[in-house]
Protein backbone atom coordinates (compact mmCIF):
# COMPACT_ATOMS: atom_id res chain seq x y z
CA THR A 1 15.96 79.65 -5.11
CA THR A 2 15.40 76.17 -6.45
CA ALA A 3 14.68 72.86 -4.81
CA THR A 4 14.73 69.32 -6.07
CA PHE A 5 12.31 66.73 -4.91
CA LYS A 6 13.26 63.09 -5.44
CA ILE A 7 10.49 60.55 -5.19
CA GLU A 8 11.93 57.12 -4.66
CA ASP A 9 10.49 53.67 -4.18
CA THR A 10 12.19 51.53 -1.54
CA THR A 11 9.12 49.58 -0.46
CA PRO A 12 8.93 45.93 -1.54
CA PRO A 13 5.73 44.67 -3.16
CA ASN A 14 3.00 43.03 -1.13
CA LEU A 15 2.92 39.36 -2.12
CA GLU A 16 0.02 37.08 -1.20
CA ILE A 17 0.49 33.34 -1.67
CA PRO A 18 -1.72 30.28 -0.98
CA LEU A 19 -1.51 28.13 2.13
CA ASP A 20 0.34 24.79 2.11
CA LEU A 21 -1.38 22.19 -0.06
CA THR A 22 -1.80 18.50 0.84
CA LEU A 23 -2.90 16.04 -1.84
CA GLU A 24 -3.42 12.29 -2.02
CA CYS A 25 -1.01 10.47 -4.31
CA GLY A 26 -2.59 9.12 -7.48
CA ASP A 27 -5.63 11.41 -7.51
CA ASP A 28 -6.61 12.18 -11.11
CA ILE A 29 -7.26 15.86 -10.44
CA ASN A 30 -3.99 16.60 -8.63
CA GLU A 31 -2.37 18.30 -11.63
CA SER A 32 -5.31 20.67 -12.10
CA ILE A 33 -5.39 21.48 -8.39
CA ILE A 34 -1.65 22.23 -8.36
CA GLN A 35 -1.87 24.51 -11.41
CA ASN A 36 -4.72 26.49 -9.84
CA TRP A 37 -2.81 26.67 -6.57
CA LEU A 38 0.35 27.95 -8.27
CA SER A 39 -1.54 30.65 -10.16
CA SER A 40 -3.40 31.92 -7.10
CA ALA A 41 -0.49 34.07 -5.86
CA ALA A 42 -0.86 37.83 -6.42
CA ALA A 43 1.36 40.87 -5.90
CA GLU A 44 0.53 44.58 -5.53
CA ASP A 45 2.97 47.47 -5.38
CA ALA A 46 2.21 50.92 -3.96
CA CYS A 47 3.93 52.60 -6.89
CA ALA A 48 3.55 50.14 -9.76
CA GLY A 49 0.18 48.53 -9.02
CA THR A 50 -0.38 44.88 -9.92
CA LEU A 51 2.82 42.96 -10.64
CA LEU A 52 3.61 39.69 -12.33
CA VAL A 53 4.53 36.86 -9.99
CA SER A 54 7.02 34.11 -10.83
CA GLN A 55 7.47 30.75 -9.07
CA ASP A 56 9.98 27.87 -9.08
CA PHE A 57 7.74 24.82 -8.88
CA GLU A 58 9.71 21.52 -9.08
CA GLU A 59 13.07 23.14 -8.42
CA ILE A 60 12.99 22.06 -4.77
CA PHE A 61 11.77 18.47 -4.76
CA ILE A 62 12.15 16.00 -1.86
CA GLU A 63 11.19 12.38 -2.50
CA GLU A 64 9.41 10.52 0.26
CA CYS A 65 8.04 6.95 0.37
CA GLY A 66 6.76 5.49 -2.90
CA LEU A 67 5.59 8.22 -5.24
CA THR A 68 4.99 10.74 -2.45
CA ALA A 69 7.01 13.92 -2.30
CA THR A 70 7.30 17.41 -0.87
CA HIS A 71 7.62 20.43 -3.15
CA THR A 72 8.65 23.76 -1.65
CA VAL A 73 7.51 26.51 -4.00
CA THR A 74 8.90 30.06 -3.82
CA TRP A 75 7.03 32.94 -5.43
CA THR A 76 8.82 36.14 -6.36
CA ALA A 77 7.46 39.61 -7.05
CA LEU A 78 9.78 42.32 -8.41
CA ASP A 79 8.76 45.95 -8.95
CA PRO A 80 10.31 48.37 -11.52
CA CYS A 81 12.65 49.75 -8.87
CA ASP A 82 14.09 46.30 -8.13
CA ASN A 83 12.38 45.95 -4.81
CA ILE A 84 11.72 42.25 -4.34
CA THR A 85 9.49 40.09 -2.19
CA THR A 86 9.72 36.29 -1.93
CA ARG A 87 7.49 33.90 -0.02
CA SER A 88 7.29 30.10 0.07
CA ALA A 89 4.67 27.39 0.60
CA THR A 90 4.70 23.62 0.36
CA ILE A 91 2.90 20.99 -1.67
CA ILE A 92 2.71 17.67 0.17
CA ILE A 93 1.89 14.58 -1.88
CA GLU A 94 0.96 11.88 0.64
CA ASP A 95 -0.21 8.29 0.48
CA THR A 96 -2.84 7.30 3.03
CA THR A 97 -4.64 4.78 0.79
CA GLU A 98 -4.28 1.08 1.51
CA PRO A 99 -3.22 -1.33 -1.26
CA ASP A 100 -6.01 -2.68 -3.46
CA VAL A 101 -6.49 -6.44 -3.09
CA ILE A 102 -7.55 -7.42 -6.61
CA ALA A 103 -7.73 -11.16 -5.90
CA GLU A 104 -8.64 -12.60 -2.51
CA ALA A 105 -6.81 -15.56 -0.96
CA ASN A 106 -8.36 -18.98 -1.65
CA ASP A 107 -8.81 -21.93 0.71
CA LEU A 108 -6.40 -24.85 0.41
CA ILE A 109 -8.12 -28.22 0.86
CA LEU A 110 -5.90 -31.23 1.52
CA GLU A 111 -6.33 -34.87 2.40
CA CYS A 112 -5.12 -35.89 5.84
CA ALA A 113 -3.08 -38.84 4.60
CA ASP A 114 -1.23 -36.93 1.85
CA LEU A 115 2.51 -37.06 2.58
CA ASN A 116 3.07 -33.83 0.60
CA ASN A 117 0.88 -31.64 2.82
CA THR A 118 3.76 -29.77 4.43
CA ASP A 119 5.23 -28.83 1.06
CA LEU A 120 1.83 -27.92 -0.35
CA ILE A 121 1.07 -25.64 2.58
CA SER A 122 4.47 -23.96 2.32
CA ALA A 123 3.94 -23.30 -1.39
CA TRP A 124 0.44 -21.95 -0.70
CA LEU A 125 1.78 -19.56 1.94
CA GLU A 126 4.62 -18.48 -0.35
CA ALA A 127 2.01 -17.60 -2.99
CA ASN A 128 -0.02 -15.66 -0.40
CA GLY A 129 -2.91 -18.06 -0.81
CA GLY A 130 -3.28 -16.90 -4.40
CA ALA A 131 -4.00 -13.32 -3.34
CA LEU A 132 -2.93 -10.41 -5.53
CA ALA A 133 -2.66 -6.70 -4.74
CA GLU A 134 -1.67 -3.48 -6.45
CA ASP A 135 -0.91 0.06 -5.33
CA GLU A 136 -0.82 3.22 -7.44
CA CYS A 137 1.71 5.02 -5.26
CA SER A 138 4.36 2.36 -4.70
CA LEU A 139 7.63 2.19 -6.62
CA GLU A 140 8.98 -0.93 -4.96
CA GLU A 141 7.41 -4.37 -4.63
CA LEU A 142 4.60 -4.73 -2.09
CA ILE A 143 5.44 -6.71 1.05
CA TRP A 144 3.31 -9.73 2.03
CA THR A 145 3.22 -11.41 5.45
CA ASN A 146 0.94 -14.07 6.91
CA GLU A 147 -0.19 -15.22 10.32
CA SER A 148 -2.25 -18.19 11.45
CA THR A 149 -5.04 -17.01 13.72
CA THR A 150 -7.53 -19.80 14.43
CA ILE A 151 -7.28 -23.59 14.50
CA LEU A 152 -10.54 -25.58 14.54
CA SER A 153 -10.27 -29.29 15.28
CA GLY A 154 -12.39 -31.78 13.38
CA CYS A 155 -12.77 -35.54 13.54
CA GLY A 156 -9.63 -37.61 13.85
CA GLU A 157 -6.63 -35.74 12.46
CA SER A 158 -8.70 -33.31 10.40
CA PHE A 159 -8.57 -29.60 11.24
CA THR A 160 -8.94 -26.11 9.76
CA THR A 161 -6.38 -23.32 10.17
CA ASN A 162 -7.24 -19.74 9.28
CA TYR A 163 -4.49 -17.54 7.83
CA VAL A 164 -4.56 -13.76 7.49
CA PHE A 165 -2.42 -12.37 4.68
CA THR A 166 -1.31 -8.75 5.05
CA VAL A 167 0.03 -6.67 2.19
CA GLU A 168 1.95 -3.45 2.90
CA ASP A 169 2.73 -0.67 0.43
CA ASN A 170 5.81 1.55 0.34
CA CYS A 171 4.24 4.01 2.80
CA ALA A 172 3.22 1.38 5.40
CA ASN A 173 -0.47 1.31 4.45
CA THR A 174 -1.88 -2.22 4.75
CA SER A 175 -4.74 -4.38 3.51
CA THR A 176 -5.67 -7.93 4.52
CA THR A 177 -7.29 -11.00 3.06
CA SER A 178 -7.83 -14.37 4.72
CA ALA A 179 -8.27 -18.01 3.76
CA ASN A 180 -8.18 -21.46 5.36
CA VAL A 181 -6.04 -24.55 5.17
CA ILE A 182 -8.55 -27.38 5.49
CA ILE A 183 -7.25 -30.86 6.27
CA ASN A 184 -10.01 -33.37 5.48
CA ASP A 185 -10.26 -37.10 6.00
CA THR A 186 -12.33 -38.56 3.18
CA THR A 187 -10.26 -41.74 2.76
CA GLN A 188 -11.99 -44.99 3.64
CA PRO A 189 -10.22 -47.25 6.15
CA ILE A 190 -8.30 -50.18 4.72
CA LEU A 191 -9.73 -53.47 5.99
CA THR A 192 -7.38 -56.45 5.76
CA LEU A 193 -9.08 -59.85 6.04
CA PRO A 194 -7.29 -63.03 7.12
CA GLU A 195 -6.30 -65.51 4.44
CA TYR A 196 -8.53 -68.51 3.68
CA GLN A 197 -7.52 -71.29 6.09
CA VAL A 198 -8.25 -75.02 6.02
CA GLU A 199 -7.89 -77.06 9.17
CA ASP A 200 -8.64 -80.70 10.08
CA CYS A 201 -11.68 -81.22 12.21
CA GLY A 202 -10.81 -81.50 15.87
CA ASN A 203 -7.47 -79.71 15.50
CA ILE A 204 -8.40 -76.18 14.52
CA ALA A 205 -5.96 -73.34 15.13
CA ILE A 206 -7.19 -69.97 13.96
CA THR A 207 -4.66 -67.36 12.99
CA LEU A 208 -5.81 -63.74 12.60
CA GLU A 209 -3.48 -61.10 11.22
CA ALA A 210 -4.63 -57.60 10.49
């Protein structure tokens, strides 16, 4: 009497992968962190022992705002009997950092009597008070807005208006800088004297025109 025993392997490998990974856009060490994260997966098989693990990093790539993105990574472990295990995790590249104001807004000082004040103020606002900003994680141009917040009255027609300039990056992070429009009155009054007048004695009529 004979008997045949067939030992088969129908059990998929045990695959351990890392948890989801969240990184800040623009961080210098992101690439090293991602490489370590990708290589941290491991697979063991009851019949074959330790197995090689493959992954498809960058094959599933979803762009978000600016340079942020989501990467879904799938690891695969395959044993010699073609039993397969796949598991996935996500890399999230986010941007929570506000834009960097590299030049603050500057005050605009004008003379009260200058007829060009309206145009000068408009040009100053259009230039964001001279402020400049940059952002490592934005692809499109940064958005500037402004708002007048405080008006302080001075003597006569002089006054000071405070403006807050807000810059927004592609992921809605904001920074602010502020400056003042200062309307001064440093012009001396113009005094007009009457013309020299000669009159006969006893019949004097004085004319004053200012």
